[in-house]
Amino acid sequence: MMLLRAASATVEVESVGTGRDLVLLHSLLADRTVFERAAGPLARKRRLHLVNLPGYGASSAIAADAIEDYADHIAAVLDSLQLGRDADVLGNGFGGFIAVALAARHGRRFARLVAAPALSGFPAPAKQAFYRMADLAANQGMPAILEGAIQRMFPPAFALAHPEIVAERKSALERADPKCFRSACLALAKLDLSGGLAGIANATLVLVGSEDATTPPELARQLAAAIPAARFQELAGCGHCPQIEDPARFVAAVESFLDG
């Protein structure tokens, strides 16, 4: 693990493996450890950079009102890591939205994009969940978020069968900065990436679990259809975090795209 400076922010990054660079961006409901089960296999052929987003781990807060602000932050992280234009970027959930905005704003800065998953925006009813989480984080702190977060991360059957993973994920999320979490929730509530999608030239994979209730497959498919160089893939039986639920299939899908 290392701490680096990106513009005025401190960023915690873990870099492992050898080969072509792959930057991993986690979801709203997790930190960089959400990729631990997939990192080992991916690192056999790639140099992974697992980034803690602002307010997670030792990463400091940034001034961010919109997903585009986070994308500009990650562009600065790529510069601080001194990554070339052949680096690839993979984001899960919140990290996926950031990665898509990064491609729209700084697409020439990196090569291929994996949105695993992402959407161009949320329907009005879905936005209310982000306002509720923002309010809970501000007024009651991160413990008030945890049960709802698990319901958004995993299908009920998976959560019931894996209490140790549920406990692990709750423990990781509870350590997030509630102010940064609130800012991220509000940025997601007003997310609208639709205007920049047609200009994305990066080869793109939109990867989503068939049981993902947070970023539904039908909306993820619409995102893929709006990006000129995108393909869509659905992982049957998985929810919002296939890198935890079925890391072998997640890795196989990512590697098939990146190797192809």
Protein backbone atom coordinates (compact mmCIF):
# COMPACT_ATOMS: atom_id res chain seq x y z
CA MET A 1 0.00 0.00 0.00
CA MET A 2 1.21 3.51 -0.78
CA LEU A 3 0.01 7.06 -0.34
CA LEU A 4 0.43 9.44 -3.25
CA ARG A 5 -0.55 12.99 -4.04
CA ALA A 6 -3.01 13.74 -6.83
CA ALA A 7 -3.49 17.49 -7.16
CA SER A 8 -4.22 18.51 -3.55
CA ALA A 9 -5.52 15.12 -2.38
CA THR A 10 -3.93 12.15 -0.65
CA VAL A 11 -4.77 8.87 -2.36
CA GLU A 12 -4.27 5.36 -0.99
CA VAL A 13 -3.33 2.87 -3.68
CA GLU A 14 -2.27 -0.77 -3.53
CA SER A 15 -0.28 -1.90 -6.57
CA VAL A 16 0.30 -5.63 -7.17
CA GLY A 17 1.28 -7.92 -10.03
CA THR A 18 3.23 -7.41 -13.22
CA GLY A 19 2.23 -6.65 -16.78
CA ARG A 20 -0.09 -4.15 -18.40
CA ASP A 21 -1.60 -1.65 -15.94
CA LEU A 22 -5.20 -2.05 -14.77
CA VAL A 23 -6.72 0.53 -12.42
CA LEU A 24 -9.57 -0.74 -10.20
CA LEU A 25 -12.20 1.64 -8.78
CA HIS A 26 -14.58 0.36 -6.11
CA SER A 27 -18.28 0.95 -5.50
CA LEU A 28 -20.02 3.39 -3.16
CA LEU A 29 -20.67 0.55 -0.69
CA ALA A 30 -17.12 -0.77 -0.44
CA ASP A 31 -13.45 0.16 -0.42
CA ARG A 32 -10.58 -1.21 -2.52
CA THR A 33 -10.71 -4.53 -0.63
CA VAL A 34 -13.90 -5.40 -2.54
CA PHE A 35 -11.58 -6.66 -5.32
CA GLU A 36 -9.46 -8.93 -3.10
CA ARG A 37 -10.99 -12.18 -4.34
CA ALA A 38 -10.38 -11.27 -7.98
CA ALA A 39 -7.07 -9.43 -7.57
CA GLY A 40 -4.88 -12.53 -7.25
CA PRO A 41 -5.95 -14.10 -10.55
CA LEU A 42 -5.94 -10.75 -12.39
CA ALA A 43 -2.47 -9.91 -11.07
CA ARG A 44 -0.96 -12.97 -12.73
CA LYS A 45 -0.87 -11.06 -16.02
CA ARG A 46 -1.41 -7.43 -15.02
CA ARG A 47 -0.12 -4.71 -12.77
CA LEU A 48 -3.16 -3.82 -10.68
CA HIS A 49 -3.68 -0.46 -8.98
CA LEU A 50 -6.45 -0.72 -6.38
CA VAL A 51 -7.48 2.84 -5.57
CA ASN A 52 -9.35 3.96 -2.48
CA LEU A 53 -11.74 6.70 -3.56
CA PRO A 54 -12.05 9.91 -1.48
CA GLY A 55 -13.10 9.22 2.10
CA TYR A 56 -12.24 5.51 2.00
CA GLY A 57 -9.18 4.11 3.75
CA ALA A 58 -6.46 6.74 3.96
CA SER A 59 -7.68 8.67 0.91
CA SER A 60 -8.58 12.25 1.76
CA ALA A 61 -11.71 14.16 0.84
CA ILE A 62 -11.92 16.21 -2.34
CA ALA A 63 -14.24 19.01 -3.39
CA ALA A 64 -16.73 17.02 -5.46
CA ASP A 65 -20.30 17.88 -6.39
CA ALA A 66 -20.63 15.69 -9.48
CA ILE A 67 -19.31 12.42 -10.87
CA GLU A 68 -17.24 14.47 -13.32
CA ASP A 69 -15.29 15.89 -10.36
CA TYR A 70 -14.35 12.37 -9.31
CA ALA A 71 -13.36 11.56 -12.91
CA ASP A 72 -11.00 14.55 -12.97
CA HIS A 73 -9.57 13.34 -9.67
CA ILE A 74 -8.87 9.89 -11.12
CA ALA A 75 -7.21 11.49 -14.15
CA ALA A 76 -4.83 13.16 -11.68
CA VAL A 77 -4.29 9.77 -9.99
CA LEU A 78 -3.30 8.24 -13.34
CA ASP A 79 -0.77 11.04 -13.76
CA SER A 80 0.60 10.53 -10.23
CA LEU A 81 0.98 6.81 -10.90
CA GLN A 82 2.79 7.72 -14.12
CA LEU A 83 0.68 5.33 -16.14
CA GLY A 84 0.90 5.31 -19.91
CA ARG A 85 -1.96 5.50 -22.36
CA ASP A 86 -2.02 1.71 -22.62
CA ALA A 87 -3.40 1.44 -19.06
CA ASP A 88 -6.92 0.06 -18.65
CA VAL A 89 -9.58 1.16 -16.13
CA LEU A 90 -12.23 -0.97 -14.42
CA GLY A 91 -14.92 0.43 -12.14
CA ASN A 92 -17.63 -1.29 -10.08
CA GLY A 93 -20.81 0.70 -9.35
CA PHE A 94 -19.73 4.17 -8.17
CA GLY A 95 -16.30 3.38 -9.59
CA GLY A 96 -17.97 2.35 -12.85
CA PHE A 97 -19.77 5.69 -13.15
CA ILE A 98 -16.49 7.48 -12.48
CA ALA A 99 -14.74 5.33 -15.09
CA VAL A 100 -17.37 6.15 -17.74
CA ALA A 101 -17.09 9.87 -16.96
CA LEU A 102 -13.30 9.49 -17.13
CA ALA A 103 -13.62 8.04 -20.62
CA ALA A 104 -15.93 10.86 -21.69
CA ARG A 105 -13.60 13.57 -20.33
CA HIS A 106 -10.13 12.01 -20.48
CA GLY A 107 -10.55 9.06 -22.83
CA ARG A 108 -7.22 9.62 -24.55
CA ARG A 109 -5.50 9.22 -21.19
CA PHE A 110 -6.07 5.44 -21.08
CA ALA A 111 -6.92 2.48 -23.31
CA ARG A 112 -9.83 0.21 -22.42
CA LEU A 113 -12.80 0.66 -20.10
CA VAL A 114 -14.65 -1.96 -18.06
CA ALA A 115 -17.85 -0.64 -16.46
CA ALA A 116 -18.74 -3.46 -14.09
CA PRO A 117 -21.40 -2.20 -13.91
CA ALA A 118 -22.53 1.37 -14.61
CA LEU A 119 -25.50 3.30 -15.98
CA SER A 120 -25.85 6.64 -17.73
CA GLY A 121 -28.21 7.77 -14.97
CA PHE A 122 -30.83 6.61 -12.47
CA PRO A 123 -34.62 6.76 -12.83
CA ALA A 124 -36.29 9.24 -10.48
CA PRO A 125 -37.50 6.59 -7.96
CA ALA A 126 -34.00 5.11 -7.66
CA LYS A 127 -32.52 8.53 -6.86
CA GLN A 128 -34.49 8.64 -3.63
CA ALA A 129 -32.34 5.86 -2.18
CA PHE A 130 -29.25 8.04 -2.54
CA TYR A 131 -30.95 10.96 -0.82
CA ARG A 132 -31.95 8.64 2.04
CA MET A 133 -28.43 7.27 2.40
CA ALA A 134 -26.99 10.79 2.29
CA ASP A 135 -29.33 11.86 5.08
CA LEU A 136 -28.54 8.79 7.20
CA ALA A 137 -24.79 9.27 6.80
CA ALA A 138 -25.02 12.94 7.75
CA ASN A 139 -27.29 12.49 10.76
CA GLN A 140 -26.57 9.01 12.12
CA GLY A 141 -23.19 8.05 10.70
CA MET A 142 -22.10 5.02 8.72
CA PRO A 143 -23.58 2.33 11.03
CA ALA A 144 -27.05 3.44 9.89
CA ILE A 145 -26.11 2.60 6.29
CA LEU A 146 -24.87 -0.94 6.73
CA GLU A 147 -28.00 -3.11 6.52
CA GLY A 148 -29.32 -1.28 3.49
CA ALA A 149 -25.91 -1.45 1.85
CA ILE A 150 -25.83 -5.23 2.09
CA GLN A 151 -29.26 -5.43 0.48
CA ARG A 152 -27.98 -3.32 -2.41
CA MET A 153 -24.73 -5.28 -2.76
CA PHE A 154 -25.91 -8.89 -2.70
CA PRO A 155 -28.95 -10.96 -3.63
CA PRO A 156 -30.70 -12.20 -0.44
CA ALA A 157 -29.70 -15.84 -0.97
CA PHE A 158 -26.01 -14.97 -1.28
CA ALA A 159 -26.07 -12.76 1.83
CA LEU A 160 -27.81 -15.51 3.82
CA ALA A 161 -25.32 -18.16 2.69
CA HIS A 162 -22.22 -16.03 3.38
CA PRO A 163 -22.51 -14.28 6.75
CA GLU A 164 -18.72 -13.97 6.94
CA ILE A 165 -18.66 -11.90 3.74
CA VAL A 166 -21.54 -9.77 5.01
CA ALA A 167 -19.62 -9.07 8.21
CA GLU A 168 -16.47 -8.28 6.25
CA ARG A 169 -18.25 -5.82 3.97
CA LYS A 170 -20.04 -4.10 6.86
CA SER A 171 -16.76 -3.65 8.68
CA ALA A 172 -15.09 -2.11 5.63
CA LEU A 173 -17.94 0.28 4.86
CA GLU A 174 -18.35 1.38 8.47
CA ARG A 175 -14.85 2.92 8.31
CA ALA A 176 -15.74 5.25 5.41
CA ASP A 177 -15.93 9.00 6.05
CA PRO A 178 -19.66 9.85 6.35
CA LYS A 179 -19.20 13.33 4.86
CA CYS A 180 -17.47 11.91 1.78
CA PHE A 181 -20.10 9.18 1.54
CA ARG A 182 -22.84 11.80 1.63
CA SER A 183 -21.15 13.79 -1.15
CA ALA A 184 -20.87 10.66 -3.29
CA CYS A 185 -24.56 9.82 -2.74
CA LEU A 186 -25.62 13.30 -3.83
CA ALA A 187 -23.38 13.12 -6.90
CA LEU A 188 -24.98 9.81 -7.85
CA ALA A 189 -28.48 11.20 -7.33
CA LYS A 190 -27.90 13.84 -10.01
CA LEU A 191 -25.87 11.60 -12.31
CA ASP A 192 -26.46 12.11 -16.02
CA LEU A 193 -23.70 10.81 -18.29
CA SER A 194 -25.84 10.60 -21.39
CA GLY A 195 -24.43 13.70 -23.07
CA GLY A 196 -20.88 12.37 -23.30
CA LEU A 197 -21.41 8.72 -24.20
CA ALA A 198 -21.37 9.07 -27.99
CA GLY A 199 -17.92 10.64 -27.80
CA ILE A 200 -16.30 7.73 -25.93
CA ALA A 201 -13.78 6.06 -28.24
CA ASN A 202 -12.34 3.59 -25.71
CA ALA A 203 -13.08 -0.07 -26.30
CA THR A 204 -15.62 -0.76 -23.57
CA LEU A 205 -17.14 -3.71 -21.75
CA VAL A 206 -20.31 -3.14 -19.72
CA LEU A 207 -20.47 -6.10 -17.32
CA VAL A 208 -23.46 -6.61 -15.03
CA GLY A 209 -24.96 -9.31 -12.84
CA SER A 210 -28.38 -10.58 -13.87
CA GLU A 211 -29.64 -10.12 -10.29
CA ASP A 212 -28.25 -6.62 -9.79
CA ALA A 213 -31.08 -4.57 -8.30
CA THR A 214 -28.88 -1.48 -7.81
CA THR A 215 -27.72 -1.08 -11.42
CA PRO A 216 -30.34 -3.14 -13.30
CA PRO A 217 -29.19 -5.09 -16.38
CA GLU A 218 -31.70 -3.46 -18.71
CA LEU A 219 -30.31 -0.01 -17.88
CA ALA A 220 -26.71 -1.23 -18.12
CA ARG A 221 -27.55 -2.60 -21.57
CA GLN A 222 -28.76 0.86 -22.58
CA LEU A 223 -25.42 2.31 -21.48
CA ALA A 224 -23.55 -0.17 -23.67
CA ALA A 225 -25.79 0.64 -26.63
CA ALA A 226 -24.97 4.36 -26.29
CA ILE A 227 -21.17 3.91 -26.32
CA PRO A 228 -19.91 3.34 -29.88
CA ALA A 229 -17.17 0.82 -29.08
CA ALA A 230 -18.96 -1.06 -26.30
CA ARG A 231 -20.07 -4.63 -25.78
CA PHE A 232 -22.47 -5.89 -23.13
CA GLN A 233 -22.18 -9.00 -20.98
CA GLU A 234 -24.45 -10.31 -18.24
CA LEU A 235 -23.28 -12.69 -15.51
CA ALA A 236 -26.16 -14.99 -14.65
CA GLY A 237 -26.98 -15.31 -10.97
CA CYS A 238 -24.78 -12.43 -9.77
CA GLY A 239 -25.78 -9.19 -8.09
CA HIS A 240 -23.97 -5.87 -7.78
CA CYS A 241 -20.56 -7.29 -6.82
CA PRO A 242 -19.74 -10.26 -9.07
CA GLN A 243 -16.05 -9.93 -8.15
CA ILE A 244 -17.11 -11.21 -4.70
CA GLU A 245 -20.00 -13.49 -5.60
CA ASP A 246 -18.30 -15.34 -8.45
CA PRO A 247 -14.71 -14.13 -8.82
CA ALA A 248 -13.74 -16.86 -11.29
CA ARG A 249 -16.43 -15.88 -13.80
CA PHE A 250 -15.78 -12.19 -13.17
CA VAL A 251 -12.07 -12.63 -13.90
CA ALA A 252 -12.78 -14.76 -16.96
CA ALA A 253 -15.08 -12.09 -18.42
CA VAL A 254 -12.63 -9.27 -17.74
CA GLU A 255 -9.65 -11.16 -19.08
CA SER A 256 -11.51 -12.28 -22.19
CA PHE A 257 -12.25 -8.65 -22.99
CA LEU A 258 -8.84 -7.24 -22.11
CA ASP A 259 -6.97 -10.04 -23.89
CA GLY A 260 -9.17 -9.85 -26.96
